[in-house]
N, C-alpha and C. Protein backbone atom coordinates (compact mmCIF):
# COMPACT_ATOMS: atom_id res chain seq x y z
N MET A 1 174.49 109.06 146.87
CA MET A 1 174.50 109.90 148.22
C MET A 1 173.69 109.21 149.04
N GLU A 2 174.42 109.13 150.53
CA GLU A 2 173.80 108.37 151.54
C GLU A 2 172.57 108.69 151.88
N ASN A 3 171.55 107.78 151.95
CA ASN A 3 170.12 107.97 152.24
C ASN A 3 169.29 108.50 151.39
N ARG A 4 169.77 108.66 150.14
CA ARG A 4 169.17 109.32 149.06
C ARG A 4 169.11 108.40 147.82
N GLN A 5 168.01 108.51 147.13
CA GLN A 5 167.81 107.55 145.91
C GLN A 5 167.22 108.38 145.02
N VAL A 6 167.72 108.77 143.62
CA VAL A 6 167.27 109.39 142.61
C VAL A 6 166.57 108.43 141.63
N VAL A 7 165.28 108.64 141.47
CA VAL A 7 164.40 107.89 140.59
C VAL A 7 164.16 108.72 139.27
N LEU A 8 164.36 108.09 138.19
CA LEU A 8 164.18 108.66 136.81
C LEU A 8 162.91 108.17 136.27
N LEU A 9 162.09 109.18 135.61
CA LEU A 9 160.82 108.67 135.15
C LEU A 9 160.70 109.23 133.60
N HIS A 10 160.97 108.42 132.55
CA HIS A 10 160.89 108.84 131.20
C HIS A 10 159.35 109.29 130.68
N GLY A 11 159.22 109.80 129.65
CA GLY A 11 157.98 110.37 129.03
C GLY A 11 157.14 109.32 128.09
N LEU A 12 156.20 109.85 127.63
CA LEU A 12 155.32 108.94 126.72
C LEU A 12 156.04 108.72 125.68
N ALA A 13 155.85 107.29 125.27
CA ALA A 13 156.44 106.67 124.14
C ALA A 13 158.10 106.70 124.07
N ARG A 14 158.39 106.81 125.20
CA ARG A 14 159.97 106.64 125.45
C ARG A 14 160.38 105.42 126.31
N THR A 15 161.51 105.09 126.52
CA THR A 15 161.93 104.05 127.43
C THR A 15 162.88 104.70 128.40
N SER A 16 163.43 103.86 129.53
CA SER A 16 164.47 104.23 130.11
C SER A 16 165.70 104.59 129.57
N ARG A 17 165.85 104.12 128.26
CA ARG A 17 167.26 104.44 127.56
C ARG A 17 167.07 106.00 127.28
N SER A 18 166.13 106.73 127.14
CA SER A 18 166.07 108.04 126.93
C SER A 18 166.67 108.79 128.13
N MET A 19 166.70 108.20 129.32
CA MET A 19 167.11 108.86 130.29
C MET A 19 168.49 108.33 130.80
N ARG A 20 169.13 107.54 129.97
CA ARG A 20 170.45 107.12 130.34
C ARG A 20 171.39 108.24 130.38
N PRO A 21 171.71 109.24 129.71
CA PRO A 21 172.57 110.20 129.87
C PRO A 21 172.40 111.10 131.27
N MET A 22 171.25 111.32 131.66
CA MET A 22 171.05 111.83 132.81
C MET A 22 171.40 110.78 133.93
N GLU A 23 171.21 109.60 133.70
CA GLU A 23 171.48 108.42 134.84
C GLU A 23 172.99 108.46 134.90
N LYS A 24 173.81 108.41 133.81
CA LYS A 24 175.24 108.38 133.70
C LYS A 24 175.95 109.60 134.39
N TYR A 25 175.42 110.62 134.21
CA TYR A 25 175.80 112.07 134.68
C TYR A 25 175.71 111.99 136.38
N LEU A 26 174.43 111.71 136.82
CA LEU A 26 174.19 111.61 138.22
C LEU A 26 174.89 110.88 138.98
N ILE A 27 175.14 109.25 138.39
CA ILE A 27 175.92 108.32 138.99
C ILE A 27 177.56 108.97 139.10
N LYS A 28 177.92 109.41 137.95
CA LYS A 28 179.35 110.06 137.96
C LYS A 28 179.55 110.96 139.11
N ASN A 29 178.34 111.68 139.50
CA ASN A 29 178.50 112.84 140.46
C ASN A 29 178.06 112.38 141.85
N GLY A 30 178.01 111.12 142.18
CA GLY A 30 177.85 110.67 143.60
C GLY A 30 176.48 110.13 143.81
N PHE A 31 175.47 110.26 142.98
CA PHE A 31 174.08 110.05 143.23
C PHE A 31 173.82 108.38 143.10
N THR A 32 172.76 107.89 143.88
CA THR A 32 172.34 106.40 143.76
C THR A 32 171.17 106.62 142.83
N VAL A 33 170.98 105.91 141.60
CA VAL A 33 170.04 106.11 140.60
C VAL A 33 169.12 105.01 140.37
N PHE A 34 167.93 105.02 140.26
CA PHE A 34 167.04 103.98 139.54
C PHE A 34 166.20 104.47 138.48
N ASN A 35 166.63 103.99 137.39
CA ASN A 35 166.06 104.33 135.96
C ASN A 35 164.94 103.44 135.67
N ILE A 36 163.79 103.85 135.96
CA ILE A 36 162.63 102.88 135.73
C ILE A 36 162.10 103.01 134.51
N ASN A 37 161.69 101.82 133.92
CA ASN A 37 161.05 101.56 132.64
C ASN A 37 159.53 101.21 132.77
N TYR A 38 158.67 101.97 132.29
CA TYR A 38 157.21 101.67 132.41
C TYR A 38 156.51 101.75 131.22
N PRO A 39 155.42 100.99 131.13
CA PRO A 39 154.65 100.74 129.77
C PRO A 39 153.80 102.03 129.41
N SER A 40 154.58 103.11 129.10
CA SER A 40 153.72 104.38 128.91
C SER A 40 152.60 104.37 127.90
N ARG A 41 152.67 103.44 126.79
CA ARG A 41 151.71 103.41 125.76
C ARG A 41 150.60 102.34 126.15
N LYS A 42 150.76 101.70 127.11
CA LYS A 42 149.70 100.50 127.39
C LYS A 42 148.49 100.89 128.18
N LYS A 43 148.57 101.99 129.03
CA LYS A 43 147.54 102.13 130.17
C LYS A 43 147.33 103.61 130.23
N PRO A 44 145.99 104.10 130.79
CA PRO A 44 145.89 105.44 131.21
C PRO A 44 146.83 105.75 132.23
N ILE A 45 146.82 107.09 132.77
CA ILE A 45 147.77 107.65 133.70
C ILE A 45 147.45 107.04 135.06
N GLU A 46 146.16 106.82 135.41
CA GLU A 46 145.84 106.32 136.80
C GLU A 46 146.48 105.03 136.80
N GLU A 47 146.56 104.15 135.82
CA GLU A 47 146.91 102.70 136.01
C GLU A 47 148.50 102.82 135.88
N LEU A 48 149.13 103.93 135.21
CA LEU A 48 150.50 103.83 134.98
C LEU A 48 151.09 104.33 136.34
N SER A 49 150.42 105.16 137.01
CA SER A 49 151.04 105.77 138.53
C SER A 49 150.99 104.49 139.38
N GLU A 50 149.96 103.66 139.43
CA GLU A 50 149.87 102.63 140.39
C GLU A 50 151.05 101.53 139.95
N TRP A 51 151.19 101.50 138.65
CA TRP A 51 152.16 100.44 138.19
C TRP A 51 153.65 100.89 138.58
N VAL A 52 153.88 102.12 138.58
CA VAL A 52 155.17 102.93 138.89
C VAL A 52 155.35 102.87 140.25
N ARG A 53 154.43 103.08 141.07
CA ARG A 53 154.38 103.12 142.61
C ARG A 53 154.71 101.74 142.99
N ASP A 54 153.87 100.53 142.48
CA ASP A 54 154.10 99.35 143.14
C ASP A 54 155.67 98.88 142.66
N LYS A 55 156.10 99.19 141.47
CA LYS A 55 157.59 98.95 140.98
C LYS A 55 158.49 99.56 142.03
N LEU A 56 158.33 100.94 142.41
CA LEU A 56 159.19 101.48 143.24
C LEU A 56 159.30 100.75 144.51
N LYS A 57 158.15 100.37 145.07
CA LYS A 57 158.09 99.61 146.25
C LYS A 57 158.77 98.30 146.48
N GLU A 58 158.64 97.53 145.28
CA GLU A 58 159.11 96.18 144.89
C GLU A 58 160.71 96.36 144.82
N GLU A 59 161.32 97.34 144.08
CA GLU A 59 162.61 97.34 143.72
C GLU A 59 163.36 98.06 144.85
N LEU A 60 162.81 99.21 145.44
CA LEU A 60 163.52 99.82 146.43
C LEU A 60 163.07 99.82 147.82
N GLY A 61 161.86 99.17 148.13
CA GLY A 61 161.30 99.15 149.41
C GLY A 61 160.81 100.53 149.85
N GLU A 62 160.34 100.79 150.94
CA GLU A 62 159.82 102.09 151.35
C GLU A 62 160.24 102.44 152.80
N HIS A 63 161.47 102.83 152.94
CA HIS A 63 162.10 103.01 154.08
C HIS A 63 162.21 104.41 154.56
N PRO A 64 161.44 104.96 155.49
CA PRO A 64 161.27 106.39 155.87
C PRO A 64 162.69 107.07 156.05
N SER A 65 163.85 106.30 156.34
CA SER A 65 165.22 106.91 156.30
C SER A 65 165.68 107.31 154.88
N VAL A 66 165.32 106.64 154.05
CA VAL A 66 165.61 106.91 152.57
C VAL A 66 164.84 107.82 151.82
N GLN A 67 165.44 108.95 151.39
CA GLN A 67 164.74 109.94 150.64
C GLN A 67 164.68 109.64 149.14
N TRP A 68 163.50 109.69 148.60
CA TRP A 68 163.49 109.47 147.12
C TRP A 68 163.33 110.81 146.40
N ASP A 69 164.22 111.09 145.57
CA ASP A 69 164.30 112.42 144.73
C ASP A 69 163.85 112.02 143.31
N PHE A 70 163.32 112.68 142.43
CA PHE A 70 162.98 112.44 141.30
C PHE A 70 163.45 113.23 140.13
N VAL A 71 163.77 112.91 139.00
CA VAL A 71 163.92 113.70 137.77
C VAL A 71 163.07 113.02 136.72
N THR A 72 162.12 113.81 136.17
CA THR A 72 161.08 113.18 135.33
C THR A 72 161.21 114.25 133.93
N HIS A 73 160.74 113.19 132.85
CA HIS A 73 160.68 113.96 131.62
C HIS A 73 159.27 113.92 131.11
N SER A 74 158.67 115.02 130.79
CA SER A 74 157.44 115.14 129.98
C SER A 74 156.45 114.47 130.91
N MET A 75 155.71 113.39 130.30
CA MET A 75 154.68 112.80 130.97
C MET A 75 155.09 112.13 132.48
N GLY A 76 156.37 111.64 132.53
CA GLY A 76 156.69 111.25 133.66
C GLY A 76 156.51 112.02 134.98
N GLY A 77 156.35 113.36 134.62
CA GLY A 77 156.09 114.43 135.79
C GLY A 77 154.68 114.23 136.12
N ILE A 78 153.77 113.89 135.16
CA ILE A 78 152.30 113.95 135.38
C ILE A 78 152.20 112.58 136.13
N ILE A 79 152.94 111.44 135.76
CA ILE A 79 152.59 110.33 136.58
C ILE A 79 153.03 110.38 137.98
N LEU A 80 154.15 111.11 138.26
CA LEU A 80 154.47 111.52 139.64
C LEU A 80 153.32 112.24 140.47
N ARG A 81 152.81 113.47 139.78
CA ARG A 81 151.78 114.18 140.25
C ARG A 81 150.61 113.07 140.59
N GLN A 82 150.17 112.26 139.78
CA GLN A 82 149.14 111.56 140.03
C GLN A 82 149.29 110.65 141.26
N ILE A 83 150.66 109.93 141.46
CA ILE A 83 150.94 109.33 142.64
C ILE A 83 150.83 110.01 143.85
N MET A 84 151.31 111.43 143.84
CA MET A 84 151.27 112.01 145.03
C MET A 84 149.78 112.55 145.32
N LYS A 85 148.89 112.48 144.31
CA LYS A 85 147.46 112.76 144.75
C LYS A 85 146.72 111.61 145.34
N THR A 86 147.09 110.50 144.77
CA THR A 86 146.32 109.37 145.33
C THR A 86 146.82 108.48 146.24
N HIS A 87 148.32 108.20 146.29
CA HIS A 87 149.03 107.48 147.13
C HIS A 87 150.48 108.10 147.32
N PRO A 88 150.30 109.14 148.21
CA PRO A 88 151.55 109.93 148.32
C PRO A 88 152.65 109.20 149.13
N LEU A 89 153.76 109.52 148.42
CA LEU A 89 155.05 109.04 149.00
C LEU A 89 155.54 109.71 150.31
N THR A 90 155.64 109.20 151.29
CA THR A 90 155.85 109.67 152.71
C THR A 90 157.48 110.09 152.42
N ASN A 91 158.20 109.57 151.78
CA ASN A 91 159.65 109.78 151.79
C ASN A 91 160.20 110.66 150.47
N LEU A 92 159.23 111.37 150.01
CA LEU A 92 159.64 112.15 148.79
C LEU A 92 160.50 113.28 148.98
N GLY A 93 161.59 113.52 148.18
CA GLY A 93 162.41 114.72 148.60
C GLY A 93 162.32 115.62 147.46
N ARG A 94 163.15 115.88 146.62
CA ARG A 94 163.31 117.00 145.72
C ARG A 94 162.84 116.50 144.21
N VAL A 95 162.14 117.23 143.49
CA VAL A 95 161.81 116.60 142.06
C VAL A 95 162.26 117.88 140.99
N VAL A 96 162.59 117.33 139.95
CA VAL A 96 163.11 118.07 138.99
C VAL A 96 162.14 117.51 137.79
N MET A 97 161.48 118.51 137.10
CA MET A 97 160.56 118.14 135.92
C MET A 97 161.20 118.84 134.69
N LEU A 98 161.38 117.97 133.55
CA LEU A 98 162.06 118.41 132.23
C LEU A 98 160.81 118.41 131.30
N GLY A 99 160.41 119.57 130.76
CA GLY A 99 159.40 119.76 129.82
C GLY A 99 158.11 119.05 130.16
N PRO A 100 157.59 119.29 131.43
CA PRO A 100 156.37 118.57 131.89
C PRO A 100 155.05 119.44 131.30
N PRO A 101 154.20 118.61 130.70
CA PRO A 101 152.81 119.50 130.31
C PRO A 101 152.01 119.61 131.55
N ASN A 102 152.50 120.49 132.61
CA ASN A 102 151.67 120.57 133.74
C ASN A 102 150.39 121.37 133.57
N LEU A 103 150.29 121.79 132.55
CA LEU A 103 148.87 122.46 132.37
C LEU A 103 148.33 121.96 130.81
N GLY A 104 149.10 120.82 130.50
CA GLY A 104 148.45 120.14 129.13
C GLY A 104 149.26 120.72 127.99
N SER A 105 148.94 120.25 126.85
CA SER A 105 149.56 120.64 125.54
C SER A 105 148.59 120.64 124.51
N GLU A 106 148.63 121.90 123.76
CA GLU A 106 147.96 121.96 122.61
C GLU A 106 148.04 120.95 121.38
N VAL A 107 149.14 120.48 121.20
CA VAL A 107 149.36 119.52 120.46
C VAL A 107 148.56 118.18 120.77
N VAL A 108 148.26 117.89 122.05
CA VAL A 108 147.46 116.76 122.28
C VAL A 108 145.96 116.97 121.93
N ASP A 109 145.59 118.45 122.05
CA ASP A 109 144.24 118.89 121.79
C ASP A 109 144.03 118.59 120.25
N ARG A 110 144.88 118.70 119.44
CA ARG A 110 144.70 118.99 118.11
C ARG A 110 144.98 117.61 117.48
N LEU A 111 145.97 116.73 117.82
CA LEU A 111 146.33 115.49 117.13
C LEU A 111 146.09 114.30 117.89
N CYS A 112 145.87 114.19 119.24
CA CYS A 112 145.85 112.87 119.64
C CYS A 112 144.67 112.07 119.51
N HIS A 113 143.50 112.84 119.03
CA HIS A 113 142.37 112.31 118.86
C HIS A 113 142.30 111.41 117.51
N PHE A 114 143.28 111.71 116.53
CA PHE A 114 143.33 110.80 115.37
C PHE A 114 143.68 109.37 115.51
N LYS A 115 143.04 108.65 114.98
CA LYS A 115 143.05 107.12 115.17
C LYS A 115 144.47 106.54 115.34
N LEU A 116 145.26 106.73 114.43
CA LEU A 116 146.69 106.47 114.16
C LEU A 116 147.62 106.90 115.31
N LEU A 117 147.55 108.25 115.70
CA LEU A 117 148.15 108.64 116.75
C LEU A 117 147.76 107.87 118.18
N LYS A 118 146.31 107.65 118.43
CA LYS A 118 145.88 107.14 119.57
C LYS A 118 146.42 105.66 119.55
N GLN A 119 146.53 105.16 118.41
CA GLN A 119 147.00 103.71 118.45
C GLN A 119 148.73 103.69 118.79
N LEU A 120 149.14 104.76 118.37
CA LEU A 120 150.85 104.89 118.64
C LEU A 120 151.05 105.17 120.10
N ASN A 121 150.27 106.06 120.60
CA ASN A 121 150.45 106.70 121.82
C ASN A 121 149.77 106.01 123.03
N GLY A 122 148.66 105.49 122.72
CA GLY A 122 148.02 104.96 123.77
C GLY A 122 146.99 105.85 124.43
N PRO A 123 146.33 105.37 125.54
CA PRO A 123 145.36 106.04 126.24
C PRO A 123 145.89 107.26 126.96
N ALA A 124 146.84 107.17 127.50
CA ALA A 124 147.52 108.32 128.26
C ALA A 124 147.67 109.54 127.46
N CYS A 125 147.90 109.40 126.18
CA CYS A 125 148.12 110.68 125.38
C CYS A 125 146.87 111.71 125.41
N LEU A 126 145.74 110.86 125.50
CA LEU A 126 144.52 111.78 125.41
C LEU A 126 144.21 112.68 126.67
N GLN A 127 144.98 112.12 127.73
CA GLN A 127 144.81 112.75 129.09
C GLN A 127 145.61 114.11 129.39
N LEU A 128 146.50 114.34 128.33
CA LEU A 128 147.52 115.20 128.31
C LEU A 128 147.05 116.61 127.78
N GLY A 129 145.72 116.80 127.53
CA GLY A 129 145.17 117.93 126.57
C GLY A 129 144.89 119.32 127.85
N THR A 130 144.53 120.19 126.93
CA THR A 130 144.42 121.61 127.89
C THR A 130 142.97 121.97 128.50
N GLU A 131 142.09 120.99 128.35
CA GLU A 131 140.76 121.27 128.63
C GLU A 131 140.71 121.59 130.17
N GLU A 132 139.68 122.53 130.29
CA GLU A 132 139.52 123.27 131.69
C GLU A 132 139.05 122.23 132.56
N LYS A 133 138.37 121.06 132.43
CA LYS A 133 138.07 120.31 133.34
C LYS A 133 138.72 118.92 133.02
N GLY A 134 139.75 118.94 132.34
CA GLY A 134 140.50 117.59 132.02
C GLY A 134 141.23 116.88 133.12
N PHE A 135 141.89 115.86 132.77
CA PHE A 135 142.63 115.18 133.68
C PHE A 135 143.72 115.98 134.43
N ILE A 136 144.47 116.67 133.76
CA ILE A 136 145.68 117.23 134.37
C ILE A 136 145.31 118.25 135.28
N GLN A 137 144.02 119.12 134.66
CA GLN A 137 143.75 120.23 135.53
C GLN A 137 143.18 119.87 136.91
N ASN A 138 142.63 118.61 137.05
CA ASN A 138 142.20 118.08 138.24
C ASN A 138 143.23 117.71 139.36
N LEU A 139 144.63 117.62 138.79
CA LEU A 139 145.57 117.15 139.71
C LEU A 139 145.93 118.31 140.96
N GLY A 140 145.40 119.37 140.55
CA GLY A 140 145.93 120.60 141.58
C GLY A 140 147.40 120.90 141.56
N LYS A 141 147.56 121.76 142.62
CA LYS A 141 149.00 122.29 142.69
C LYS A 141 149.78 121.18 143.38
N VAL A 142 151.19 121.52 143.43
CA VAL A 142 151.98 120.35 143.90
C VAL A 142 152.54 121.13 145.33
N GLU A 143 152.78 119.86 146.10
CA GLU A 143 153.02 120.37 147.71
C GLU A 143 154.35 119.62 147.93
N PHE A 144 155.32 119.73 147.01
CA PHE A 144 156.63 119.08 147.24
C PHE A 144 157.67 119.95 146.66
N ASP A 145 158.98 119.97 147.05
CA ASP A 145 159.94 120.74 146.42
C ASP A 145 160.12 120.24 144.81
N LEU A 146 159.76 121.33 144.22
CA LEU A 146 159.77 121.11 142.54
C LEU A 146 160.51 122.18 142.00
N GLY A 147 161.33 121.80 140.92
CA GLY A 147 162.00 122.71 140.01
C GLY A 147 161.64 122.25 138.53
N VAL A 148 161.24 123.13 137.70
CA VAL A 148 160.92 122.86 136.49
C VAL A 148 161.83 123.46 135.42
N ILE A 149 162.18 122.75 134.47
CA ILE A 149 162.95 123.35 133.46
C ILE A 149 162.15 123.19 132.07
N ALA A 150 162.11 124.34 131.42
CA ALA A 150 161.21 124.40 130.24
C ALA A 150 162.17 124.75 129.01
N GLY A 151 161.93 124.05 127.83
CA GLY A 151 162.70 124.41 126.50
C GLY A 151 162.13 125.60 125.58
N ASN A 152 162.63 126.26 124.99
CA ASN A 152 162.22 127.15 124.05
C ASN A 152 162.77 127.06 122.81
N ARG A 153 163.26 125.95 122.28
CA ARG A 153 163.66 125.69 120.92
C ARG A 153 162.83 124.43 120.44
N SER A 154 162.65 124.54 119.28
CA SER A 154 161.85 123.37 118.52
C SER A 154 162.43 122.81 117.30
N ILE A 155 162.55 121.57 117.15
CA ILE A 155 163.16 121.12 115.90
C ILE A 155 161.83 120.63 114.93
N ASN A 156 160.74 120.94 115.29
CA ASN A 156 159.41 120.41 114.57
C ASN A 156 158.55 121.76 114.35
N PRO A 157 158.85 122.54 113.44
CA PRO A 157 158.26 123.82 113.06
C PRO A 157 156.75 123.59 113.00
N LEU A 158 156.20 122.33 112.54
CA LEU A 158 154.91 122.12 112.02
C LEU A 158 154.11 122.01 113.49
N LEU A 159 154.61 121.24 114.38
CA LEU A 159 153.81 121.04 115.76
C LEU A 159 153.95 122.58 116.35
N SER A 160 155.16 123.37 116.19
CA SER A 160 155.16 124.62 117.01
C SER A 160 154.10 125.61 116.44
N LEU A 161 153.59 125.39 115.11
CA LEU A 161 152.46 126.15 114.68
C LEU A 161 151.09 126.02 115.48
N LEU A 162 150.96 124.75 116.18
CA LEU A 162 149.86 124.68 117.11
C LEU A 162 150.06 125.24 118.47
N LEU A 163 151.44 125.60 118.84
CA LEU A 163 151.57 126.03 120.22
C LEU A 163 151.72 127.54 120.07
N PRO A 164 151.17 128.33 120.99
CA PRO A 164 151.17 129.85 121.14
C PRO A 164 152.22 130.21 122.10
N GLY A 165 153.22 131.04 121.66
CA GLY A 165 154.25 131.51 122.35
C GLY A 165 155.47 130.50 122.51
N GLU A 166 156.46 130.76 123.29
CA GLU A 166 157.61 130.11 123.14
C GLU A 166 157.24 128.38 123.51
N ASP A 167 158.06 127.65 122.78
CA ASP A 167 157.70 126.21 123.05
C ASP A 167 158.96 125.31 122.70
N ASP A 168 158.77 124.05 122.98
CA ASP A 168 160.00 123.35 122.75
C ASP A 168 159.55 121.95 121.62
N GLY A 169 158.58 122.44 121.06
CA GLY A 169 157.93 121.56 119.92
C GLY A 169 156.96 120.47 120.38
N LYS A 170 156.74 120.52 121.75
CA LYS A 170 155.67 119.65 122.21
C LYS A 170 154.89 120.51 123.47
N VAL A 171 155.46 121.37 123.94
CA VAL A 171 154.93 121.97 125.16
C VAL A 171 155.32 123.33 125.18
N THR A 172 154.29 124.34 125.49
CA THR A 172 154.77 125.60 125.73
C THR A 172 155.46 125.96 126.92
N VAL A 173 156.26 126.93 126.98
CA VAL A 173 156.92 127.34 128.20
C VAL A 173 155.83 127.54 129.35
N GLU A 174 155.01 128.22 128.85
CA GLU A 174 153.82 128.83 130.02
C GLU A 174 153.17 127.38 130.71
N ARG A 175 152.90 126.27 129.92
CA ARG A 175 152.17 125.20 130.30
C ARG A 175 153.01 124.43 130.98
N THR A 176 154.41 124.64 131.24
CA THR A 176 155.15 123.65 131.99
C THR A 176 154.98 124.12 133.59
N LYS A 177 154.61 125.36 133.82
CA LYS A 177 154.61 126.02 134.94
C LYS A 177 153.51 125.48 135.72
N ILE A 178 153.55 125.35 137.00
CA ILE A 178 152.66 124.94 138.01
C ILE A 178 152.66 125.66 139.44
N GLU A 179 151.62 125.85 139.96
CA GLU A 179 151.34 126.45 141.22
C GLU A 179 152.18 125.75 142.25
N GLY A 180 153.12 126.24 143.05
CA GLY A 180 153.67 125.68 144.19
C GLY A 180 155.22 125.28 143.87
N MET A 181 155.48 125.38 142.55
CA MET A 181 156.92 125.10 142.15
C MET A 181 157.86 126.02 142.78
N ASN A 182 159.20 125.64 143.30
CA ASN A 182 160.08 126.47 144.01
C ASN A 182 161.00 127.15 143.11
N ASP A 183 161.30 126.58 141.74
CA ASP A 183 162.12 127.45 141.03
C ASP A 183 161.79 126.84 139.49
N PHE A 184 162.16 127.64 138.50
CA PHE A 184 161.89 127.60 137.29
C PHE A 184 163.21 128.04 136.15
N ARG A 185 163.35 127.25 135.32
CA ARG A 185 164.43 127.68 134.26
C ARG A 185 164.05 127.53 132.92
N ILE A 186 164.47 128.28 131.84
CA ILE A 186 164.13 128.07 130.53
C ILE A 186 165.51 127.93 129.81
N VAL A 187 165.75 126.78 129.06
CA VAL A 187 166.89 126.56 128.46
C VAL A 187 166.61 126.46 126.99
N PRO A 188 167.64 126.55 126.15
CA PRO A 188 167.42 126.67 124.70
C PRO A 188 167.49 125.37 123.95
N TYR A 189 166.73 124.45 124.47
CA TYR A 189 166.65 122.98 123.83
C TYR A 189 165.42 122.59 123.52
N SER A 190 165.06 121.52 122.73
CA SER A 190 163.89 120.91 122.38
C SER A 190 163.46 119.85 123.28
N HIS A 191 162.30 119.49 123.26
CA HIS A 191 161.50 118.61 124.36
C HIS A 191 162.31 117.08 124.23
N SER A 192 162.86 116.58 123.21
CA SER A 192 163.27 115.30 123.44
C SER A 192 164.87 115.18 123.85
N PHE A 193 165.60 116.43 124.09
CA PHE A 193 166.88 116.43 124.16
C PHE A 193 167.35 116.91 125.48
N PHE A 194 166.61 117.41 126.40
CA PHE A 194 167.03 117.87 127.57
C PHE A 194 168.11 116.97 128.47
N MET A 195 167.78 115.66 128.32
CA MET A 195 168.55 114.70 129.19
C MET A 195 170.01 114.55 129.00
N SER A 196 170.27 114.90 127.55
CA SER A 196 171.53 114.79 127.21
C SER A 196 172.45 115.98 127.39
N LYS A 197 171.93 117.08 127.67
CA LYS A 197 172.33 118.55 127.52
C LYS A 197 173.27 118.77 128.74
N LYS A 198 174.43 119.08 128.84
CA LYS A 198 175.12 119.09 130.08
C LYS A 198 174.68 120.43 131.08
N LYS A 199 174.05 121.52 130.27
CA LYS A 199 173.72 122.54 131.20
C LYS A 199 172.25 122.00 132.01
N VAL A 200 171.54 121.25 131.27
CA VAL A 200 170.50 120.73 131.95
C VAL A 200 170.89 119.91 133.15
N GLN A 201 171.81 118.82 132.86
CA GLN A 201 172.47 118.18 134.02
C GLN A 201 172.82 118.74 135.05
N GLU A 202 173.52 119.77 134.76
CA GLU A 202 174.06 120.63 136.10
C GLU A 202 173.09 121.03 136.72
N LEU A 203 171.94 121.89 136.00
CA LEU A 203 171.03 122.31 136.80
C LEU A 203 170.18 121.46 137.56
N VAL A 204 169.91 120.28 137.05
CA VAL A 204 169.39 119.09 137.91
C VAL A 204 170.12 118.87 139.06
N GLN A 205 171.44 118.70 138.86
CA GLN A 205 172.25 118.31 140.11
C GLN A 205 172.35 119.48 141.13
N SER A 206 172.30 120.71 140.86
CA SER A 206 172.29 121.72 141.75
C SER A 206 170.72 121.77 142.49
N PHE A 207 169.68 121.47 141.68
CA PHE A 207 168.46 121.54 142.51
C PHE A 207 168.21 120.35 143.48
N LEU A 208 168.74 119.22 143.05
CA LEU A 208 168.71 118.08 143.93
C LEU A 208 169.68 118.19 145.29
N LYS A 209 170.79 118.98 145.19
CA LYS A 209 171.61 119.39 146.28
C LYS A 209 171.14 120.45 147.01
N THR A 210 170.56 121.51 146.51
CA THR A 210 170.26 122.77 147.19
C THR A 210 168.75 123.16 147.20
N GLY A 211 167.84 122.56 146.37
CA GLY A 211 166.66 123.18 146.22
C GLY A 211 166.32 124.05 145.37
N PHE A 212 167.53 124.62 144.73
CA PHE A 212 167.17 125.76 143.68
C PHE A 212 168.29 125.41 142.46
N PHE A 213 168.01 126.22 141.41
CA PHE A 213 168.76 126.13 140.16
C PHE A 213 169.78 127.05 140.42
N LEU A 214 170.99 126.74 140.41
CA LEU A 214 172.22 127.68 140.49
C LEU A 214 172.29 128.26 139.27
N THR A 215 172.80 129.47 138.95
CA THR A 215 172.99 129.95 137.69
C THR A 215 174.22 129.46 136.93
N ILE A 216 173.83 129.04 135.72
CA ILE A 216 175.02 128.41 134.87
C ILE A 216 175.03 129.13 133.63
N ASP A 217 176.02 129.84 133.34
CA ASP A 217 176.22 130.64 132.13
C ASP A 217 177.06 129.97 131.25
N LYS A 218 176.56 129.06 130.45
CA LYS A 218 177.58 128.38 129.45
C LYS A 218 177.01 128.38 128.06
């Protein structure tokens, strides 16, 4: 779409390949897409956010006339919130977050301190907990056009035992919410599979076009 660029940000321990189904769908429907790959397991969120912002400026430039929309998965949403807190994007448009741990995850509280998981997931994992004075809680409310999509199906019943209420296997529905969001939807999918689901893709497209999730009953 003219003067608009959609940036895709994958989650922790994933790559841009995980966002490929969303990328293909958006391109097919007329969007210009940049699917960024960042080293999610190598650095803390503060450094990852700087890395991503620098990469965006390098690849896309920063022209006031070109709006940057974002579709993020999981920790990708936290990366964007950190960018907007420390080095705000003046040309930010609309944002859709898929399964974001906006208020942290109890899974992180219970498991990410184990040595093996720390080694597998890196320093950013430890920043995604629910502590009252933790990293995420200091990011504050959002002040941009945001739609959040949460899942309420899990394919990992063991992890779901750590999560109170509805969850997607990694994050509870309630902890995806954030003050300032414009719209919110719950879909019957698990954390890792939002990007490949047609219903989610259609909801993303509707928010990018209108600023709201249009009702899709399928």
